[in-house]
């Protein structure tokens, strides 16, 4: 599994793109920052369970109080972990349903 997840919003839903390296994740985040349809959130590191916020979210995060920062970080970490878990369990091909008599 890829260590980093680049998190973004599209149509008010959270999505992620996995990457093996931090440099690759930052490049993806930079690309997403210029996409008008997507809102870049940040990079989640599965090993350390930390978020490297996108610049727009970093400003919001910095202006929040300590409890607000903790709450926001926990929400995003929970979302990132759920997206990663979903992709880990995803079976890429659909199999024919079987019928038992």
PDB file of N, CA and C in Angstrom:
ATOM      1  N   UNK A   1       0.845  -1.186   0.000  1.00  0.00           N
ATOM      2  CA  UNK A   1       0.000   0.000   0.000  1.00  0.00           C
ATOM      3  C   UNK A   1       0.886   1.244   0.000  1.00  0.00           C
ATOM      4  N   UNK A   2       0.423   2.274  -0.648  1.00  0.00           N
ATOM      5  CA  UNK A   2       1.172   3.520  -0.736  1.00  0.00           C
ATOM      6  C   UNK A   2       1.113   4.261   0.591  1.00  0.00           C
ATOM      7  N   UNK A   3       2.238   4.819   0.971  1.00  0.00           N
ATOM      8  CA  UNK A   3       2.344   5.458   2.287  1.00  0.00           C
ATOM      9  C   UNK A   3       1.563   6.768   2.367  1.00  0.00           C
ATOM     10  N   UNK A   4       1.549   7.552   1.305  1.00  0.00           N
ATOM     11  CA  UNK A   4       0.950   8.889   1.338  1.00  0.00           C
ATOM     12  C   UNK A   4      -0.367   8.918   0.574  1.00  0.00           C
ATOM     13  N   UNK A   5      -1.294   9.717   1.074  1.00  0.00           N
ATOM     14  CA  UNK A   5      -2.563   9.961   0.399  1.00  0.00           C
ATOM     15  C   UNK A   5      -2.739  11.463   0.239  1.00  0.00           C
ATOM     16  N   UNK A   6      -2.949  11.887  -0.996  1.00  0.00           N
ATOM     17  CA  UNK A   6      -3.228  13.292  -1.277  1.00  0.00           C
ATOM     18  C   UNK A   6      -4.746  13.445  -1.226  1.00  0.00           C
ATOM     19  N   UNK A   7      -5.212  14.252  -0.301  1.00  0.00           N
ATOM     20  CA  UNK A   7      -6.649  14.413  -0.070  1.00  0.00           C
ATOM     21  C   UNK A   7      -7.168  15.654  -0.772  1.00  0.00           C
ATOM     22  N   UNK A   8      -8.371  15.522  -1.350  1.00  0.00           N
ATOM     23  CA  UNK A   8      -8.991  16.667  -2.007  1.00  0.00           C
ATOM     24  C   UNK A   8     -10.507  16.505  -2.000  1.00  0.00           C
ATOM     25  N   UNK A   9     -11.180  17.615  -2.252  1.00  0.00           N
ATOM     26  CA  UNK A   9     -12.638  17.625  -2.361  1.00  0.00           C
ATOM     27  C   UNK A   9     -13.030  17.769  -3.823  1.00  0.00           C
ATOM     28  N   UNK A  10     -14.014  16.999  -4.242  1.00  0.00           N
ATOM     29  CA  UNK A  10     -14.593  17.110  -5.576  1.00  0.00           C
ATOM     30  C   UNK A  10     -16.092  16.923  -5.403  1.00  0.00           C
ATOM     31  N   UNK A  11     -16.856  17.908  -5.822  1.00  0.00           N
ATOM     32  CA  UNK A  11     -18.315  17.860  -5.657  1.00  0.00           C
ATOM     33  C   UNK A  11     -18.708  17.587  -4.206  1.00  0.00           C
ATOM     34  N   UNK A  12     -18.024  18.249  -3.288  1.00  0.00           N
ATOM     35  CA  UNK A  12     -18.284  18.164  -1.851  1.00  0.00           C
ATOM     36  C   UNK A  12     -18.077  16.760  -1.280  1.00  0.00           C
ATOM     37  N   UNK A  13     -17.295  15.935  -1.960  1.00  0.00           N
ATOM     38  CA  UNK A  13     -16.956  14.602  -1.463  1.00  0.00           C
ATOM     39  C   UNK A  13     -15.444  14.480  -1.373  1.00  0.00           C
ATOM     40  N   UNK A  14     -14.987  13.777  -0.348  1.00  0.00           N
ATOM     41  CA  UNK A  14     -13.555  13.577  -0.164  1.00  0.00           C
ATOM     42  C   UNK A  14     -13.049  12.451  -1.060  1.00  0.00           C
ATOM     43  N   UNK A  15     -11.870  12.676  -1.625  1.00  0.00           N
ATOM     44  CA  UNK A  15     -11.203  11.685  -2.463  1.00  0.00           C
ATOM     45  C   UNK A  15      -9.730  11.690  -2.097  1.00  0.00           C
ATOM     46  N   UNK A  16      -9.010  10.670  -2.565  1.00  0.00           N
ATOM     47  CA  UNK A  16      -7.573  10.663  -2.342  1.00  0.00           C
ATOM     48  C   UNK A  16      -6.855   9.995  -3.503  1.00  0.00           C
ATOM     49  N   UNK A  17      -5.589  10.353  -3.646  1.00  0.00           N
ATOM     50  CA  UNK A  17      -4.695   9.746  -4.622  1.00  0.00           C
ATOM     51  C   UNK A  17      -3.494   9.250  -3.837  1.00  0.00           C
ATOM     52  N   UNK A  18      -3.175   7.985  -3.970  1.00  0.00           N
ATOM     53  CA  UNK A  18      -2.049   7.409  -3.240  1.00  0.00           C
ATOM     54  C   UNK A  18      -0.726   7.681  -3.936  1.00  0.00           C
ATOM     55  N   UNK A  19       0.334   7.788  -3.146  1.00  0.00           N
ATOM     56  CA  UNK A  19       1.679   7.942  -3.705  1.00  0.00           C
ATOM     57  C   UNK A  19       2.692   7.279  -2.775  1.00  0.00           C
ATOM     58  N   UNK A  20       3.795   6.832  -3.377  1.00  0.00           N
ATOM     59  CA  UNK A  20       4.821   6.131  -2.609  1.00  0.00           C
ATOM     60  C   UNK A  20       5.761   7.087  -1.881  1.00  0.00           C
ATOM     61  N   UNK A  21       6.015   8.261  -2.468  1.00  0.00           N
ATOM     62  CA  UNK A  21       6.985   9.183  -1.876  1.00  0.00           C
ATOM     63  C   UNK A  21       6.335  10.517  -1.532  1.00  0.00           C
ATOM     64  N   UNK A  22       6.957  11.214  -0.608  1.00  0.00           N
ATOM     65  CA  UNK A  22       6.457  12.527  -0.209  1.00  0.00           C
ATOM     66  C   UNK A  22       6.594  13.530  -1.355  1.00  0.00           C
ATOM     67  N   UNK A  23       7.669  13.428  -2.124  1.00  0.00           N
ATOM     68  CA  UNK A  23       7.880  14.333  -3.255  1.00  0.00           C
ATOM     69  C   UNK A  23       6.781  14.155  -4.299  1.00  0.00           C
ATOM     70  N   UNK A  24       6.445  12.905  -4.579  1.00  0.00           N
ATOM     71  CA  UNK A  24       5.375  12.621  -5.530  1.00  0.00           C
ATOM     72  C   UNK A  24       4.046  13.169  -5.007  1.00  0.00           C
ATOM     73  N   UNK A  25       3.782  12.989  -3.729  1.00  0.00           N
ATOM     74  CA  UNK A  25       2.544  13.482  -3.122  1.00  0.00           C
ATOM     75  C   UNK A  25       2.463  15.005  -3.199  1.00  0.00           C
ATOM     76  N   UNK A  26       3.564  15.677  -2.940  1.00  0.00           N
ATOM     77  CA  UNK A  26       3.562  17.149  -3.010  1.00  0.00           C
ATOM     78  C   UNK A  26       3.350  17.635  -4.438  1.00  0.00           C
ATOM     79  N   UNK A  27       3.909  16.913  -5.413  1.00  0.00           N
ATOM     80  CA  UNK A  27       3.701  17.286  -6.816  1.00  0.00           C
ATOM     81  C   UNK A  27       2.228  17.135  -7.193  1.00  0.00           C
ATOM     82  N   UNK A  28       1.603  16.063  -6.728  1.00  0.00           N
ATOM     83  CA  UNK A  28       0.174  15.852  -6.987  1.00  0.00           C
ATOM     84  C   UNK A  28      -0.645  16.947  -6.312  1.00  0.00           C
ATOM     85  N   UNK A  29      -0.296  17.282  -5.073  1.00  0.00           N
ATOM     86  CA  UNK A  29      -1.001  18.333  -4.335  1.00  0.00           C
ATOM     87  C   UNK A  29      -0.898  19.668  -5.072  1.00  0.00           C
ATOM     88  N   UNK A  30       0.278  19.957  -5.594  1.00  0.00           N
ATOM     89  CA  UNK A  30       0.480  21.204  -6.340  1.00  0.00           C
ATOM     90  C   UNK A  30      -0.388  21.233  -7.596  1.00  0.00           C
ATOM     91  N   UNK A  31      -0.471  20.102  -8.292  1.00  0.00           N
ATOM     92  CA  UNK A  31      -1.328  20.022  -9.477  1.00  0.00           C
ATOM     93  C   UNK A  31      -2.792  20.232  -9.106  1.00  0.00           C
ATOM     94  N   UNK A  32      -3.221  19.594  -8.023  1.00  0.00           N
ATOM     95  CA  UNK A  32      -4.612  19.726  -7.589  1.00  0.00           C
ATOM     96  C   UNK A  32      -4.944  21.160  -7.189  1.00  0.00           C
ATOM     97  N   UNK A  33      -3.947  21.874  -6.686  1.00  0.00           N
ATOM     98  CA  UNK A  33      -4.166  23.257  -6.246  1.00  0.00           C
ATOM     99  C   UNK A  33      -4.524  24.168  -7.409  1.00  0.00           C
ATOM    100  N   UNK A  34      -4.152  23.782  -8.629  1.00  0.00           N
ATOM    101  CA  UNK A  34      -4.457  24.609  -9.797  1.00  0.00           C
ATOM    102  C   UNK A  34      -5.731  24.163 -10.504  1.00  0.00           C
ATOM    103  N   UNK A  35      -6.310  23.064 -10.074  1.00  0.00           N
ATOM    104  CA  UNK A  35      -7.535  22.538 -10.673  1.00  0.00           C
ATOM    105  C   UNK A  35      -8.734  23.249 -10.054  1.00  0.00           C
ATOM    106  N   UNK A  36      -9.522  23.896 -10.886  1.00  0.00           N
ATOM    107  CA  UNK A  36     -10.654  24.678 -10.383  1.00  0.00           C
ATOM    108  C   UNK A  36     -11.803  23.795  -9.874  1.00  0.00           C
ATOM    109  N   UNK A  37     -11.871  22.554 -10.324  1.00  0.00           N
ATOM    110  CA  UNK A  37     -12.953  21.666  -9.896  1.00  0.00           C
ATOM    111  C   UNK A  37     -12.658  20.993  -8.563  1.00  0.00           C
ATOM    112  N   UNK A  38     -11.387  20.880  -8.211  1.00  0.00           N
ATOM    113  CA  UNK A  38     -10.993  20.170  -6.997  1.00  0.00           C
ATOM    114  C   UNK A  38     -10.413  21.146  -5.980  1.00  0.00           C
ATOM    115  N   UNK A  39     -10.630  20.854  -4.715  1.00  0.00           N
ATOM    116  CA  UNK A  39     -10.056  21.647  -3.631  1.00  0.00           C
ATOM    117  C   UNK A  39      -9.057  20.776  -2.890  1.00  0.00           C
ATOM    118  N   UNK A  40      -7.778  21.132  -2.992  1.00  0.00           N
ATOM    119  CA  UNK A  40      -6.723  20.364  -2.327  1.00  0.00           C
ATOM    120  C   UNK A  40      -6.811  20.568  -0.819  1.00  0.00           C
ATOM    121  N   UNK A  41      -6.723  19.478  -0.058  1.00  0.00           N
ATOM    122  CA  UNK A  41      -6.775  19.540   1.403  1.00  0.00           C
ATOM    123  C   UNK A  41      -5.391  19.366   2.001  1.00  0.00           C
ATOM    124  N   UNK A  42      -4.677  18.343   1.573  1.00  0.00           N
ATOM    125  CA  UNK A  42      -3.346  18.108   2.112  1.00  0.00           C
ATOM    126  C   UNK A  42      -2.868  16.698   1.842  1.00  0.00           C
ATOM    127  N   UNK A  43      -1.731  16.363   2.439  1.00  0.00           N
ATOM    128  CA  UNK A  43      -1.121  15.044   2.275  1.00  0.00           C
ATOM    129  C   UNK A  43      -1.152  14.328   3.622  1.00  0.00           C
ATOM    130  N   UNK A  44      -1.715  13.134   3.624  1.00  0.00           N
ATOM    131  CA  UNK A  44      -1.770  12.294   4.822  1.00  0.00           C
ATOM    132  C   UNK A  44      -0.643  11.277   4.741  1.00  0.00           C
ATOM    133  N   UNK A  45       0.134  11.180   5.819  1.00  0.00           N
ATOM    134  CA  UNK A  45       1.219  10.207   5.923  1.00  0.00           C
ATOM    135  C   UNK A  45       0.724   9.060   6.804  1.00  0.00           C
ATOM    136  N   UNK A  46       0.538   7.881   6.210  1.00  0.00           N
ATOM    137  CA  UNK A  46      -0.019   6.743   6.950  1.00  0.00           C
ATOM    138  C   UNK A  46       0.931   6.226   8.026  1.00  0.00           C
ATOM    139  N   UNK A  47       2.225   6.430   7.851  1.00  0.00           N
ATOM    140  CA  UNK A  47       3.183   5.924   8.836  1.00  0.00           C
ATOM    141  C   UNK A  47       3.158   6.762  10.114  1.00  0.00           C
ATOM    142  N   UNK A  48       3.141   8.080   9.970  1.00  0.00           N
ATOM    143  CA  UNK A  48       3.157   8.967  11.133  1.00  0.00           C
ATOM    144  C   UNK A  48       1.759   9.421  11.547  1.00  0.00           C
ATOM    145  N   UNK A  49       0.767   9.196  10.672  1.00  0.00           N
ATOM    146  CA  UNK A  49      -0.609   9.638  10.878  1.00  0.00           C
ATOM    147  C   UNK A  49      -0.695  11.153  11.066  1.00  0.00           C
ATOM    148  N   UNK A  50       0.063  11.878  10.258  1.00  0.00           N
ATOM    149  CA  UNK A  50       0.054  13.337  10.279  1.00  0.00           C
ATOM    150  C   UNK A  50      -0.430  13.874   8.942  1.00  0.00           C
ATOM    151  N   UNK A  51      -0.922  15.115   8.976  1.00  0.00           N
ATOM    152  CA  UNK A  51      -1.393  15.798   7.779  1.00  0.00           C
ATOM    153  C   UNK A  51      -0.451  16.958   7.471  1.00  0.00           C
ATOM    154  N   UNK A  52      -0.047  17.058   6.212  1.00  0.00           N
ATOM    155  CA  UNK A  52       0.677  18.226   5.712  1.00  0.00           C
ATOM    156  C   UNK A  52      -0.360  19.005   4.906  1.00  0.00           C
ATOM    157  N   UNK A  53      -0.881  20.074   5.492  1.00  0.00           N
ATOM    158  CA  UNK A  53      -2.007  20.802   4.916  1.00  0.00           C
ATOM    159  C   UNK A  53      -1.620  21.538   3.639  1.00  0.00           C
ATOM    160  N   UNK A  54      -2.576  21.634   2.721  1.00  0.00           N
ATOM    161  CA  UNK A  54      -2.433  22.494   1.550  1.00  0.00           C
ATOM    162  C   UNK A  54      -2.429  23.936   2.053  1.00  0.00           C
ATOM    163  N   UNK A  55      -1.800  24.874   1.314  1.00  0.00           N
ATOM    164  CA  UNK A  55      -1.685  26.259   1.808  1.00  0.00           C
ATOM    165  C   UNK A  55      -3.003  26.887   2.263  1.00  0.00           C
ATOM    166  N   UNK A  56      -4.072  26.704   1.515  1.00  0.00           N
ATOM    167  CA  UNK A  56      -5.358  27.309   1.897  1.00  0.00           C
ATOM    168  C   UNK A  56      -5.872  26.727   3.211  1.00  0.00           C
ATOM    169  N   UNK A  57      -5.718  25.439   3.406  1.00  0.00           N
ATOM    170  CA  UNK A  57      -6.160  24.799   4.646  1.00  0.00           C
ATOM    171  C   UNK A  57      -5.205  25.082   5.800  1.00  0.00           C
ATOM    172  N   UNK A  58      -3.936  25.313   5.494  1.00  0.00           N
ATOM    173  CA  UNK A  58      -2.969  25.627   6.551  1.00  0.00           C
ATOM    174  C   UNK A  58      -3.341  26.939   7.236  1.00  0.00           C
ATOM    175  N   UNK A  59      -3.799  27.909   6.463  1.00  0.00           N
ATOM    176  CA  UNK A  59      -4.220  29.205   7.016  1.00  0.00           C
ATOM    177  C   UNK A  59      -5.407  29.009   7.961  1.00  0.00           C
ATOM    178  N   UNK A  60      -6.395  28.238   7.516  1.00  0.00           N
ATOM    179  CA  UNK A  60      -7.571  27.968   8.349  1.00  0.00           C
ATOM    180  C   UNK A  60      -7.165  27.227   9.616  1.00  0.00           C
ATOM    181  N   UNK A  61      -6.297  26.240   9.457  1.00  0.00           N
ATOM    182  CA  UNK A  61      -5.827  25.431  10.588  1.00  0.00           C
ATOM    183  C   UNK A  61      -5.080  26.302  11.594  1.00  0.00           C
ATOM    184  N   UNK A  62      -4.201  27.177  11.107  1.00  0.00           N
ATOM    185  CA  UNK A  62      -3.412  28.038  11.992  1.00  0.00           C
ATOM    186  C   UNK A  62      -4.273  29.030  12.765  1.00  0.00           C
ATOM    187  N   UNK A  63      -5.376  29.465  12.177  1.00  0.00           N
ATOM    188  CA  UNK A  63      -6.239  30.450  12.826  1.00  0.00           C
ATOM    189  C   UNK A  63      -7.167  29.824  13.864  1.00  0.00           C
ATOM    190  N   UNK A  64      -7.323  28.519  13.817  1.00  0.00           N
ATOM    191  CA  UNK A  64      -8.198  27.831  14.775  1.00  0.00           C
ATOM    192  C   UNK A  64      -7.491  27.703  16.121  1.00  0.00           C
ATOM    193  N   UNK A  65      -8.263  27.577  17.166  1.00  0.00           N
ATOM    194  CA  UNK A  65      -7.698  27.337  18.493  1.00  0.00           C
ATOM    195  C   UNK A  65      -7.155  25.917  18.575  1.00  0.00           C
ATOM    196  N   UNK A  66      -6.530  25.600  19.682  1.00  0.00           N
ATOM    197  CA  UNK A  66      -5.917  24.280  19.837  1.00  0.00           C
ATOM    198  C   UNK A  66      -6.960  23.170  19.728  1.00  0.00           C
ATOM    199  N   UNK A  67      -8.098  23.338  20.380  1.00  0.00           N
ATOM    200  CA  UNK A  67      -9.127  22.289  20.299  1.00  0.00           C
ATOM    201  C   UNK A  67      -9.681  22.189  18.878  1.00  0.00           C
ATOM    202  N   UNK A  68      -9.817  23.320  18.204  1.00  0.00           N
ATOM    203  CA  UNK A  68     -10.281  23.322  16.814  1.00  0.00           C
ATOM    204  C   UNK A  68      -9.292  22.646  15.885  1.00  0.00           C
ATOM    205  N   UNK A  69      -8.005  22.878  16.135  1.00  0.00           N
ATOM    206  CA  UNK A  69      -6.970  22.227  15.323  1.00  0.00           C
ATOM    207  C   UNK A  69      -7.021  20.715  15.502  1.00  0.00           C
ATOM    208  N   UNK A  70      -7.148  20.281  16.749  1.00  0.00           N
ATOM    209  CA  UNK A  70      -7.213  18.849  17.023  1.00  0.00           C
ATOM    210  C   UNK A  70      -8.425  18.198  16.389  1.00  0.00           C
ATOM    211  N   UNK A  71      -9.569  18.878  16.492  1.00  0.00           N
ATOM    212  CA  UNK A  71     -10.803  18.344  15.929  1.00  0.00           C
ATOM    213  C   UNK A  71     -10.700  18.236  14.410  1.00  0.00           C
ATOM    214  N   UNK A  72     -10.190  19.292  13.773  1.00  0.00           N
ATOM    215  CA  UNK A  72     -10.062  19.308  12.312  1.00  0.00           C
ATOM    216  C   UNK A  72      -9.100  18.222  11.838  1.00  0.00           C
ATOM    217  N   UNK A  73      -7.964  18.100  12.522  1.00  0.00           N
ATOM    218  CA  UNK A  73      -6.971  17.089  12.144  1.00  0.00           C
ATOM    219  C   UNK A  73      -7.544  15.684  12.314  1.00  0.00           C
ATOM    220  N   UNK A  74      -8.238  15.433  13.419  1.00  0.00           N
ATOM    221  CA  UNK A  74      -8.832  14.110  13.647  1.00  0.00           C
ATOM    222  C   UNK A  74      -9.876  13.763  12.593  1.00  0.00           C
ATOM    223  N   UNK A  75     -10.669  14.756  12.185  1.00  0.00           N
ATOM    224  CA  UNK A  75     -11.679  14.517  11.154  1.00  0.00           C
ATOM    225  C   UNK A  75     -11.022  14.099   9.838  1.00  0.00           C
ATOM    226  N   UNK A  76      -9.995  14.833   9.435  1.00  0.00           N
ATOM    227  CA  UNK A  76      -9.336  14.544   8.163  1.00  0.00           C
ATOM    228  C   UNK A  76      -8.581  13.224   8.228  1.00  0.00           C
ATOM    229  N   UNK A  77      -7.948  12.936   9.352  1.00  0.00           N
ATOM    230  CA  UNK A  77      -7.234  11.661   9.500  1.00  0.00           C
ATOM    231  C   UNK A  77      -8.216  10.496   9.418  1.00  0.00           C
ATOM    232  N   UNK A  78      -9.371  10.633  10.052  1.00  0.00           N
ATOM    233  CA  UNK A  78     -10.396   9.588   9.994  1.00  0.00           C
ATOM    234  C   UNK A  78     -10.876   9.378   8.562  1.00  0.00           C
ATOM    235  N   UNK A  79     -11.082  10.463   7.837  1.00  0.00           N
ATOM    236  CA  UNK A  79     -11.510  10.375   6.436  1.00  0.00           C
ATOM    237  C   UNK A  79     -10.432   9.703   5.592  1.00  0.00           C
ATOM    238  N   UNK A  80      -9.181  10.107   5.781  1.00  0.00           N
ATOM    239  CA  UNK A  80      -8.070   9.523   5.017  1.00  0.00           C
ATOM    240  C   UNK A  80      -7.966   8.025   5.276  1.00  0.00           C
ATOM    241  N   UNK A  81      -8.077   7.629   6.521  1.00  0.00           N
ATOM    242  CA  UNK A  81      -7.986   6.209   6.862  1.00  0.00           C
ATOM    243  C   UNK A  81      -9.147   5.418   6.258  1.00  0.00           C
ATOM    244  N   UNK A  82     -10.334   6.008   6.253  1.00  0.00           N
ATOM    245  CA  UNK A  82     -11.496   5.331   5.666  1.00  0.00           C
ATOM    246  C   UNK A  82     -11.325   5.167   4.157  1.00  0.00           C
ATOM    247  N   UNK A  83     -10.823   6.198   3.482  1.00  0.00           N
ATOM    248  CA  UNK A  83     -10.590   6.104   2.042  1.00  0.00           C
ATOM    249  C   UNK A  83      -9.546   5.040   1.728  1.00  0.00           C
ATOM    250  N   UNK A  84      -8.488   5.005   2.516  1.00  0.00           N
ATOM    251  CA  UNK A  84      -7.430   4.010   2.309  1.00  0.00           C
ATOM    252  C   UNK A  84      -7.953   2.593   2.567  1.00  0.00           C
ATOM    253  N   UNK A  85      -8.755   2.427   3.603  1.00  0.00           N
ATOM    254  CA  UNK A  85      -9.337   1.125   3.926  1.00  0.00           C
ATOM    255  C   UNK A  85     -10.275   0.664   2.807  1.00  0.00           C
ATOM    256  N   UNK A  86     -11.069   1.594   2.299  1.00  0.00           N
ATOM    257  CA  UNK A  86     -11.988   1.269   1.201  1.00  0.00           C
ATOM    258  C   UNK A  86     -11.209   0.772  -0.015  1.00  0.00           C
ATOM    259  N   UNK A  87     -10.135   1.468  -0.372  1.00  0.00           N
ATOM    260  CA  UNK A  87      -9.351   1.075  -1.537  1.00  0.00           C
ATOM    261  C   UNK A  87      -8.614  -0.236  -1.319  1.00  0.00           C
ATOM    262  N   UNK A  88      -8.213  -0.503  -0.102  1.00  0.00           N
ATOM    263  CA  UNK A  88      -7.525  -1.749   0.210  1.00  0.00           C
ATOM    264  C   UNK A  88      -8.457  -2.946   0.015  1.00  0.00           C
ATOM    265  N   UNK A  89      -9.730  -2.757   0.328  1.00  0.00           N
ATOM    266  CA  UNK A  89     -10.713  -3.834   0.225  1.00  0.00           C
ATOM    267  C   UNK A  89     -11.382  -3.924  -1.142  1.00  0.00           C
ATOM    268  N   UNK A  90     -11.085  -2.976  -2.024  1.00  0.00           N
ATOM    269  CA  UNK A  90     -11.733  -2.929  -3.330  1.00  0.00           C
ATOM    270  C   UNK A  90     -11.261  -4.081  -4.205  1.00  0.00           C
ATOM    271  N   UNK A  91     -12.199  -4.793  -4.774  1.00  0.00           N
ATOM    272  CA  UNK A  91     -11.902  -5.842  -5.752  1.00  0.00           C
ATOM    273  C   UNK A  91     -12.101  -5.218  -7.122  1.00  0.00           C
ATOM    274  N   UNK A  92     -11.053  -5.156  -7.900  1.00  0.00           N
ATOM    275  CA  UNK A  92     -11.068  -4.430  -9.167  1.00  0.00           C
ATOM    276  C   UNK A  92     -12.008  -4.965 -10.225  1.00  0.00           C
ATOM    277  N   UNK A  93     -12.350  -6.218 -10.199  1.00  0.00           N
ATOM    278  CA  UNK A  93     -13.235  -6.750 -11.219  1.00  0.00           C
ATOM    279  C   UNK A  93     -14.479  -7.346 -10.561  1.00  0.00           C
ATOM    280  N   UNK A  94     -15.551  -7.240 -11.290  1.00  0.00           N
ATOM    281  CA  UNK A  94     -16.802  -7.794 -10.785  1.00  0.00           C
ATOM    282  C   UNK A  94     -16.909  -9.229 -11.280  1.00  0.00           C
ATOM    283  N   UNK A  95     -17.258 -10.101 -10.398  1.00  0.00           N
ATOM    284  CA  UNK A  95     -17.432 -11.490 -10.803  1.00  0.00           C
ATOM    285  C   UNK A  95     -18.914 -11.786 -10.959  1.00  0.00           C
ATOM    286  N   UNK A  96     -19.180 -12.773 -11.774  1.00  0.00           N
ATOM    287  CA  UNK A  96     -20.567 -13.170 -11.974  1.00  0.00           C
ATOM    288  C   UNK A  96     -21.157 -13.687 -10.680  1.00  0.00           C
ATOM    289  N   UNK A  97     -22.377 -13.332 -10.392  1.00  0.00           N
ATOM    290  CA  UNK A  97     -22.986 -13.875  -9.182  1.00  0.00           C
ATOM    291  C   UNK A  97     -23.168 -15.385  -9.333  1.00  0.00           C
ATOM    292  N   UNK A  98     -22.992 -16.076  -8.262  1.00  0.00           N
ATOM    293  CA  UNK A  98     -23.190 -17.529  -8.312  1.00  0.00           C
ATOM    294  C   UNK A  98     -24.517 -17.863  -7.646  1.00  0.00           C
ATOM    295  N   UNK A  99     -25.139 -18.877  -8.155  1.00  0.00           N
ATOM    296  CA  UNK A  99     -26.426 -19.295  -7.618  1.00  0.00           C
ATOM    297  C   UNK A  99     -26.280 -20.692  -7.047  1.00  0.00           C
ATOM    298  N   UNK A 100     -26.744 -20.860  -5.846  1.00  0.00           N
ATOM    299  CA  UNK A 100     -26.675 -22.167  -5.205  1.00  0.00           C
ATOM    300  C   UNK A 100     -28.082 -22.735  -5.116  1.00  0.00           C
ATOM    301  N   UNK A 101     -28.211 -23.977  -5.512  1.00  0.00           N
ATOM    302  CA  UNK A 101     -29.535 -24.617  -5.488  1.00  0.00           C
ATOM    303  C   UNK A 101     -29.721 -25.407  -4.224  1.00  0.00           C
TER     304      UNK A 101
END
